[in-house]
Amino acid sequence: MTYRLDLDLVFPDEAGDYRKPNSVTCTACRIGVRARFRGVSLHNLRHGHTSQLLAAGVPLPTVADRLGHATPDITAKVYSHALRADARPAADAWEAAMRKSALTLKTKQ
C-alpha cells in the first residue's frame, strides 16, 4: 500500500488516508481528560490557537492561511474578539499623535 501524500491531511491514518472524524475527536478528548483539562475538543484547540496567534500580533492573512480560510475576511469575522486586543495600542498611538500635533501647534504660535 502506498502512503497518500497527495491528500496532505493533518490527521492521516497509517496509509496517509482519511480517518473517521470521531476517532480523532475521541483521541483529543482522551488526552484532555488525562491532562485534567475539561471540555477539550479539536474545535476548542483550533479556536484557542487562533485567538492566541491573533492576540500575539500575528498578521491576519498569515493566520487565515494557516487555518485554510479562503480569505482573511472569514477569519476576521469569526475571531474579531481576539482582534479587540489591538484597540489599546491603536488608542495609544492616536493619543501620541494628537499630543505631538498639539505640541507642534503650540511651538508655531
N, C-alpha and C. Protein backbone atom coordinates (compact mmCIF):
# COMPACT_ATOMS: atom_id res chain seq x y z
N MET A 1 0.84 -1.18 0.00
CA MET A 1 0.00 0.00 0.00
C MET A 1 0.90 1.25 0.00
N THR A 2 0.53 2.24 -0.79
CA THR A 2 1.31 3.46 -0.91
C THR A 2 0.73 4.54 0.00
N TYR A 3 1.61 5.23 0.69
CA TYR A 3 1.19 6.33 1.57
C TYR A 3 0.65 7.48 0.73
N ARG A 4 -0.49 8.06 1.10
CA ARG A 4 -1.18 9.09 0.33
C ARG A 4 -0.69 10.49 0.68
N LEU A 5 0.49 10.86 0.23
CA LEU A 5 1.00 12.22 0.46
C LEU A 5 0.16 13.26 -0.27
N ASP A 6 -0.48 12.88 -1.35
CA ASP A 6 -1.25 13.81 -2.16
C ASP A 6 -2.43 14.42 -1.42
N LEU A 7 -2.91 13.76 -0.38
CA LEU A 7 -4.06 14.27 0.38
C LEU A 7 -3.68 15.38 1.34
N ASP A 8 -2.43 15.43 1.79
CA ASP A 8 -1.94 16.47 2.69
C ASP A 8 -2.84 16.64 3.92
N LEU A 9 -3.14 15.54 4.57
CA LEU A 9 -4.05 15.55 5.72
C LEU A 9 -3.31 15.88 7.01
N VAL A 10 -4.02 16.49 7.94
CA VAL A 10 -3.45 16.81 9.25
C VAL A 10 -3.40 15.56 10.12
N PHE A 11 -4.45 14.76 10.07
CA PHE A 11 -4.53 13.54 10.88
C PHE A 11 -4.78 12.32 9.98
N PRO A 12 -3.79 11.94 9.20
CA PRO A 12 -4.00 10.77 8.33
C PRO A 12 -3.92 9.47 9.11
N ASP A 13 -4.43 8.40 8.51
CA ASP A 13 -4.23 7.08 9.11
C ASP A 13 -2.84 6.56 8.71
N GLU A 14 -2.55 5.34 9.04
CA GLU A 14 -1.21 4.79 8.80
C GLU A 14 -0.83 4.79 7.33
N ALA A 15 -1.82 4.78 6.43
CA ALA A 15 -1.56 4.77 4.99
C ALA A 15 -1.63 6.17 4.39
N GLY A 16 -1.79 7.20 5.24
CA GLY A 16 -1.89 8.56 4.75
C GLY A 16 -3.27 8.90 4.22
N ASP A 17 -4.24 8.04 4.51
CA ASP A 17 -5.60 8.24 4.03
C ASP A 17 -6.47 8.88 5.12
N TYR A 18 -7.73 9.10 4.79
CA TYR A 18 -8.66 9.73 5.73
C TYR A 18 -8.92 8.85 6.95
N ARG A 19 -9.11 9.49 8.10
CA ARG A 19 -9.57 8.81 9.31
C ARG A 19 -11.03 9.19 9.51
N LYS A 20 -11.72 8.41 10.30
CA LYS A 20 -13.07 8.80 10.71
C LYS A 20 -12.93 9.99 11.65
N PRO A 21 -13.65 11.08 11.40
CA PRO A 21 -13.50 12.28 12.25
C PRO A 21 -13.67 12.01 13.74
N ASN A 22 -14.58 11.12 14.10
CA ASN A 22 -14.80 10.85 15.52
C ASN A 22 -13.59 10.20 16.18
N SER A 23 -12.80 9.45 15.43
CA SER A 23 -11.63 8.81 16.04
C SER A 23 -10.61 9.86 16.48
N VAL A 24 -10.45 10.91 15.69
CA VAL A 24 -9.52 11.98 16.05
C VAL A 24 -10.08 12.77 17.23
N THR A 25 -11.36 13.08 17.17
CA THR A 25 -12.01 13.84 18.25
C THR A 25 -11.93 13.07 19.57
N CYS A 26 -12.23 11.78 19.53
CA CYS A 26 -12.18 10.96 20.75
C CYS A 26 -10.77 10.90 21.33
N THR A 27 -9.78 10.79 20.47
CA THR A 27 -8.40 10.75 20.94
C THR A 27 -8.04 12.08 21.62
N ALA A 28 -8.42 13.19 21.02
CA ALA A 28 -8.14 14.51 21.61
C ALA A 28 -8.83 14.63 22.97
N CYS A 29 -10.05 14.16 23.07
CA CYS A 29 -10.78 14.22 24.34
C CYS A 29 -10.11 13.36 25.41
N ARG A 30 -9.67 12.16 25.02
CA ARG A 30 -8.97 11.28 25.99
C ARG A 30 -7.69 11.93 26.50
N ILE A 31 -6.95 12.54 25.60
CA ILE A 31 -5.71 13.22 26.01
C ILE A 31 -6.04 14.36 26.96
N GLY A 32 -7.09 15.10 26.66
CA GLY A 32 -7.51 16.20 27.54
C GLY A 32 -7.90 15.72 28.92
N VAL A 33 -8.62 14.62 29.00
CA VAL A 33 -9.03 14.06 30.30
C VAL A 33 -7.79 13.63 31.09
N ARG A 34 -6.86 12.97 30.43
CA ARG A 34 -5.63 12.54 31.11
C ARG A 34 -4.83 13.73 31.63
N ALA A 35 -4.88 14.83 30.89
CA ALA A 35 -4.15 16.04 31.30
C ALA A 35 -4.96 16.89 32.29
N ARG A 36 -6.15 16.38 32.64
CA ARG A 36 -7.05 17.06 33.59
C ARG A 36 -7.59 18.40 33.06
N PHE A 37 -7.80 18.46 31.75
CA PHE A 37 -8.45 19.62 31.13
C PHE A 37 -9.90 19.25 30.87
N ARG A 38 -10.78 20.19 31.11
CA ARG A 38 -12.20 19.95 30.86
C ARG A 38 -12.60 20.52 29.51
N GLY A 39 -13.52 19.87 28.85
CA GLY A 39 -14.11 20.39 27.62
C GLY A 39 -13.15 20.48 26.45
N VAL A 40 -12.14 19.65 26.42
CA VAL A 40 -11.18 19.69 25.31
C VAL A 40 -11.83 19.10 24.05
N SER A 41 -11.71 19.81 22.96
CA SER A 41 -12.15 19.31 21.67
C SER A 41 -11.23 19.91 20.62
N LEU A 42 -11.24 19.32 19.45
CA LEU A 42 -10.41 19.88 18.38
C LEU A 42 -10.86 21.29 18.04
N HIS A 43 -12.16 21.51 18.10
CA HIS A 43 -12.69 22.85 17.83
C HIS A 43 -12.13 23.86 18.84
N ASN A 44 -12.16 23.50 20.12
CA ASN A 44 -11.64 24.40 21.15
C ASN A 44 -10.15 24.64 20.98
N LEU A 45 -9.41 23.59 20.66
CA LEU A 45 -7.97 23.74 20.46
C LEU A 45 -7.67 24.65 19.28
N ARG A 46 -8.40 24.47 18.18
CA ARG A 46 -8.21 25.31 17.00
C ARG A 46 -8.57 26.76 17.31
N HIS A 47 -9.70 26.94 18.00
CA HIS A 47 -10.16 28.29 18.35
C HIS A 47 -9.16 28.98 19.28
N GLY A 48 -8.69 28.26 20.29
CA GLY A 48 -7.72 28.84 21.22
C GLY A 48 -6.40 29.18 20.54
N HIS A 49 -5.96 28.29 19.68
CA HIS A 49 -4.71 28.50 18.93
C HIS A 49 -4.82 29.77 18.08
N THR A 50 -5.92 29.90 17.38
CA THR A 50 -6.13 31.06 16.52
C THR A 50 -6.22 32.34 17.32
N SER A 51 -6.97 32.32 18.40
CA SER A 51 -7.11 33.51 19.24
C SER A 51 -5.76 33.95 19.80
N GLN A 52 -4.95 32.99 20.22
CA GLN A 52 -3.63 33.32 20.76
C GLN A 52 -2.71 33.91 19.69
N LEU A 53 -2.75 33.37 18.49
CA LEU A 53 -1.93 33.91 17.40
C LEU A 53 -2.31 35.36 17.11
N LEU A 54 -3.61 35.62 17.01
CA LEU A 54 -4.07 36.98 16.71
C LEU A 54 -3.74 37.94 17.85
N ALA A 55 -3.94 37.49 19.08
CA ALA A 55 -3.63 38.35 20.24
C ALA A 55 -2.13 38.64 20.33
N ALA A 56 -1.31 37.72 19.81
CA ALA A 56 0.14 37.91 19.83
C ALA A 56 0.62 38.79 18.67
N GLY A 57 -0.31 39.22 17.82
CA GLY A 57 0.05 40.13 16.74
C GLY A 57 0.43 39.47 15.43
N VAL A 58 0.19 38.18 15.30
CA VAL A 58 0.45 37.52 14.02
C VAL A 58 -0.52 38.11 13.00
N PRO A 59 -0.04 38.54 11.84
CA PRO A 59 -0.91 39.19 10.85
C PRO A 59 -2.11 38.31 10.45
N LEU A 60 -3.25 38.95 10.31
CA LEU A 60 -4.49 38.26 9.97
C LEU A 60 -4.36 37.38 8.73
N PRO A 61 -3.76 37.86 7.63
CA PRO A 61 -3.64 36.99 6.45
C PRO A 61 -2.82 35.72 6.72
N THR A 62 -1.82 35.83 7.58
CA THR A 62 -0.99 34.68 7.92
C THR A 62 -1.81 33.65 8.70
N VAL A 63 -2.59 34.13 9.65
CA VAL A 63 -3.44 33.23 10.45
C VAL A 63 -4.50 32.59 9.55
N ALA A 64 -5.12 33.39 8.69
CA ALA A 64 -6.15 32.86 7.79
C ALA A 64 -5.59 31.75 6.92
N ASP A 65 -4.38 31.97 6.40
CA ASP A 65 -3.75 30.96 5.56
C ASP A 65 -3.45 29.69 6.36
N ARG A 66 -3.00 29.87 7.58
CA ARG A 66 -2.69 28.72 8.45
C ARG A 66 -3.93 27.88 8.73
N LEU A 67 -5.08 28.55 8.83
CA LEU A 67 -6.34 27.85 9.11
C LEU A 67 -6.97 27.26 7.86
N GLY A 68 -6.49 27.68 6.70
CA GLY A 68 -7.08 27.20 5.46
C GLY A 68 -8.31 27.98 5.05
N HIS A 69 -8.49 29.17 5.63
CA HIS A 69 -9.63 30.01 5.24
C HIS A 69 -9.38 30.59 3.85
N ALA A 70 -10.43 30.69 3.07
CA ALA A 70 -10.32 31.19 1.69
C ALA A 70 -9.85 32.64 1.67
N THR A 71 -10.31 33.44 2.64
CA THR A 71 -9.92 34.85 2.71
C THR A 71 -9.74 35.25 4.17
N PRO A 72 -8.95 36.30 4.41
CA PRO A 72 -8.82 36.80 5.79
C PRO A 72 -10.14 37.34 6.35
N ASP A 73 -11.08 37.70 5.48
CA ASP A 73 -12.38 38.19 5.94
C ASP A 73 -13.08 37.15 6.81
N ILE A 74 -12.99 35.90 6.40
CA ILE A 74 -13.62 34.83 7.17
C ILE A 74 -13.01 34.77 8.57
N THR A 75 -11.71 34.81 8.64
CA THR A 75 -11.01 34.76 9.93
C THR A 75 -11.39 35.97 10.78
N ALA A 76 -11.43 37.14 10.18
CA ALA A 76 -11.77 38.37 10.91
C ALA A 76 -13.17 38.30 11.49
N LYS A 77 -14.12 37.76 10.74
CA LYS A 77 -15.50 37.67 11.23
C LYS A 77 -15.62 36.70 12.41
N VAL A 78 -14.93 35.56 12.30
CA VAL A 78 -15.05 34.54 13.34
C VAL A 78 -14.26 34.92 14.59
N TYR A 79 -13.10 35.56 14.41
CA TYR A 79 -12.20 35.82 15.52
C TYR A 79 -12.05 37.30 15.86
N SER A 80 -13.08 38.09 15.57
CA SER A 80 -12.99 39.53 15.84
C SER A 80 -12.74 39.83 17.31
N HIS A 81 -13.20 38.94 18.22
CA HIS A 81 -12.97 39.15 19.65
C HIS A 81 -11.47 39.18 19.97
N ALA A 82 -10.68 38.38 19.26
CA ALA A 82 -9.23 38.35 19.52
C ALA A 82 -8.55 39.59 18.96
N LEU A 83 -9.16 40.19 17.96
CA LEU A 83 -8.58 41.39 17.36
C LEU A 83 -8.82 42.62 18.22
N ARG A 84 -9.76 42.54 19.15
CA ARG A 84 -10.02 43.68 20.04
C ARG A 84 -8.82 44.05 20.89
N ALA A 85 -7.92 43.09 21.07
CA ALA A 85 -6.70 43.37 21.83
C ALA A 85 -5.88 44.45 21.16
N ASP A 86 -6.12 44.67 19.87
CA ASP A 86 -5.42 45.71 19.12
C ASP A 86 -5.94 47.11 19.47
N ALA A 87 -7.06 47.21 20.15
CA ALA A 87 -7.69 48.50 20.42
C ALA A 87 -6.80 49.38 21.31
N ARG A 88 -6.19 48.82 22.33
CA ARG A 88 -5.36 49.62 23.25
C ARG A 88 -4.15 50.23 22.54
N PRO A 89 -3.36 49.44 21.81
CA PRO A 89 -2.23 50.05 21.10
C PRO A 89 -2.68 51.09 20.08
N ALA A 90 -3.82 50.87 19.44
CA ALA A 90 -4.32 51.84 18.47
C ALA A 90 -4.71 53.15 19.17
N ALA A 91 -5.35 53.03 20.32
CA ALA A 91 -5.72 54.22 21.08
C ALA A 91 -4.48 54.96 21.57
N ASP A 92 -3.48 54.21 22.04
CA ASP A 92 -2.22 54.82 22.49
C ASP A 92 -1.51 55.55 21.35
N ALA A 93 -1.50 54.94 20.17
CA ALA A 93 -0.86 55.57 19.01
C ALA A 93 -1.59 56.85 18.62
N TRP A 94 -2.92 56.82 18.67
CA TRP A 94 -3.72 58.00 18.35
C TRP A 94 -3.43 59.12 19.35
N GLU A 95 -3.40 58.76 20.62
CA GLU A 95 -3.13 59.77 21.65
C GLU A 95 -1.74 60.39 21.46
N ALA A 96 -0.75 59.56 21.18
CA ALA A 96 0.61 60.08 20.96
C ALA A 96 0.65 61.01 19.75
N ALA A 97 -0.05 60.66 18.71
CA ALA A 97 -0.08 61.51 17.51
C ALA A 97 -0.75 62.84 17.81
N MET A 98 -1.81 62.82 18.59
CA MET A 98 -2.52 64.06 18.93
C MET A 98 -1.67 64.95 19.84
N ARG A 99 -0.96 64.34 20.78
CA ARG A 99 -0.07 65.12 21.66
C ARG A 99 1.04 65.78 20.84
N LYS A 100 1.61 65.02 19.91
CA LYS A 100 2.66 65.55 19.05
C LYS A 100 2.12 66.69 18.20
N SER A 101 0.92 66.54 17.69
CA SER A 101 0.29 67.57 16.88
C SER A 101 0.03 68.82 17.71
N ALA A 102 -0.43 68.63 18.93
CA ALA A 102 -0.71 69.77 19.82
C ALA A 102 0.58 70.50 20.15
N LEU A 103 1.66 69.77 20.41
CA LEU A 103 2.95 70.40 20.69
C LEU A 103 3.44 71.20 19.48
N THR A 104 3.26 70.65 18.31
CA THR A 104 3.68 71.34 17.08
C THR A 104 2.92 72.64 16.92
N LEU A 105 1.62 72.60 17.20
CA LEU A 105 0.82 73.82 17.07
C LEU A 105 1.24 74.86 18.10
N LYS A 106 1.55 74.46 19.34
CA LYS A 106 1.97 75.40 20.38
C LYS A 106 3.28 76.08 20.02
N THR A 107 4.22 75.34 19.46
CA THR A 107 5.52 75.91 19.15
C THR A 107 5.43 76.86 17.96
N LYS A 108 4.42 76.73 17.11
CA LYS A 108 4.26 77.62 15.95
C LYS A 108 3.59 78.92 16.34
N GLN A 109 2.93 78.96 17.49
CA GLN A 109 2.20 80.17 17.90
C GLN A 109 3.06 81.18 18.54
